[in-house]
Amino acid sequence: MRICELREKEVINCRDCERLGYVSDIEFDICTGQITHIIVPGPCRIWGILGRDHEYVISCCNIKQIGVDIILVDVDAEKCLLKCI
């Protein structure tokens, strides 16, 4: 699978069946070349006008399954929601 194919997949949390969004970026270990985290933009601020100031940083160990259209994860959404740098 190519990285560009990951960006086309929607991330869904198995715990509450909530749509988190689409993969926007990845983090990887420079030494091993392995993907360590996927990054999904967080919820919009006021009516989507002011953009986003948080993002979901999801560890690859929390990915349960990657399908044709979606990526299923099992995370506590509040704990993986981090402030953008």
Protein backbone atom coordinates (compact mmCIF):
# COMPACT_ATOMS: atom_id res chain seq x y z
CA MET A 1 0.00 0.00 0.00
CA ARG A 2 1.24 3.47 -0.84
CA ILE A 3 1.06 6.45 1.49
CA CYS A 4 -1.18 8.32 -0.96
CA GLU A 5 -3.69 5.45 -0.65
CA LEU A 6 -3.84 5.97 3.13
CA ARG A 7 -5.01 9.56 2.59
CA GLU A 8 -8.12 8.28 0.80
CA LYS A 9 -9.26 6.14 3.74
CA GLU A 10 -11.65 7.28 6.45
CA VAL A 11 -10.69 6.54 10.05
CA ILE A 12 -13.46 5.15 12.28
CA ASN A 13 -13.19 4.51 16.01
CA CYS A 14 -14.47 1.03 16.98
CA ARG A 15 -15.27 2.06 20.56
CA ASP A 16 -18.09 4.44 19.68
CA CYS A 17 -18.37 4.07 15.87
CA GLU A 18 -17.42 7.74 15.51
CA ARG A 19 -15.95 9.02 12.27
CA LEU A 20 -12.65 10.73 13.06
CA GLY A 21 -11.89 11.88 9.53
CA TYR A 22 -9.37 11.09 6.80
CA VAL A 23 -5.66 10.48 7.24
CA SER A 24 -3.78 13.71 6.62
CA ASP A 25 -0.23 12.75 7.56
CA ILE A 26 1.94 10.01 9.04
CA GLU A 27 4.87 9.82 11.44
CA PHE A 28 7.59 7.26 10.94
CA ASP A 29 10.77 6.11 12.65
CA ILE A 30 13.76 7.33 10.66
CA CYS A 31 15.98 4.45 11.77
CA THR A 32 13.61 1.59 10.91
CA GLY A 33 11.44 3.25 8.28
CA GLN A 34 8.29 1.94 9.99
CA ILE A 35 5.15 4.03 10.32
CA THR A 36 4.56 4.83 14.01
CA HIS A 37 1.46 7.09 13.96
CA ILE A 38 -1.25 8.25 11.61
CA ILE A 39 -2.52 11.80 11.96
CA VAL A 40 -6.13 12.82 11.38
CA PRO A 41 -7.32 16.46 11.58
CA GLY A 42 -9.37 17.12 14.71
CA PRO A 43 -12.85 18.61 14.96
CA CYS A 44 -13.54 22.03 13.47
CA ARG A 45 -13.81 25.08 15.66
CA ILE A 46 -16.81 27.41 15.40
CA TRP A 47 -18.88 26.26 12.36
CA GLY A 48 -15.70 25.26 10.54
CA ILE A 49 -14.86 28.90 9.83
CA LEU A 50 -11.84 29.21 12.11
CA GLY A 51 -10.12 26.00 11.05
CA ARG A 52 -8.75 23.35 13.37
CA ASP A 53 -6.35 23.60 16.26
CA HIS A 54 -6.22 19.92 17.32
CA GLU A 55 -5.41 16.66 15.58
CA TYR A 56 -5.79 12.99 16.39
CA VAL A 57 -2.40 11.28 16.67
CA ILE A 58 -3.13 7.55 16.53
CA SER A 59 -0.46 4.94 17.21
CA CYS A 60 -0.20 2.12 14.71
CA CYS A 61 -0.69 -0.42 17.51
CA ASN A 62 -4.26 0.96 17.85
CA ILE A 63 -5.11 0.20 14.23
CA LYS A 64 -7.33 -2.88 14.17
CA GLN A 65 -7.95 -3.30 10.45
CA ILE A 66 -7.30 -1.52 7.19
CA GLY A 67 -9.99 -2.09 4.59
CA VAL A 68 -10.64 -0.90 1.07
CA ASP A 69 -12.34 2.34 2.19
CA ILE A 70 -11.79 2.64 5.94
CA ILE A 71 -9.29 2.21 8.73
CA LEU A 72 -10.72 0.83 11.98
CA VAL A 73 -8.99 2.01 15.16
CA ASP A 74 -9.64 1.37 18.84
CA VAL A 75 -8.68 4.53 20.76
CA ASP A 76 -9.86 6.85 23.47
CA ALA A 77 -10.50 9.84 21.21
CA GLU A 78 -9.95 12.37 24.01
CA LYS A 79 -6.51 10.98 24.84
CA CYS A 80 -5.21 11.00 21.27
CA LEU A 81 -6.55 14.50 20.49
CA LEU A 82 -3.52 16.77 20.68
CA LYS A 83 -2.92 20.46 20.10
CA CYS A 84 -1.38 21.24 16.69
CA ILE A 85 2.15 22.57 16.79
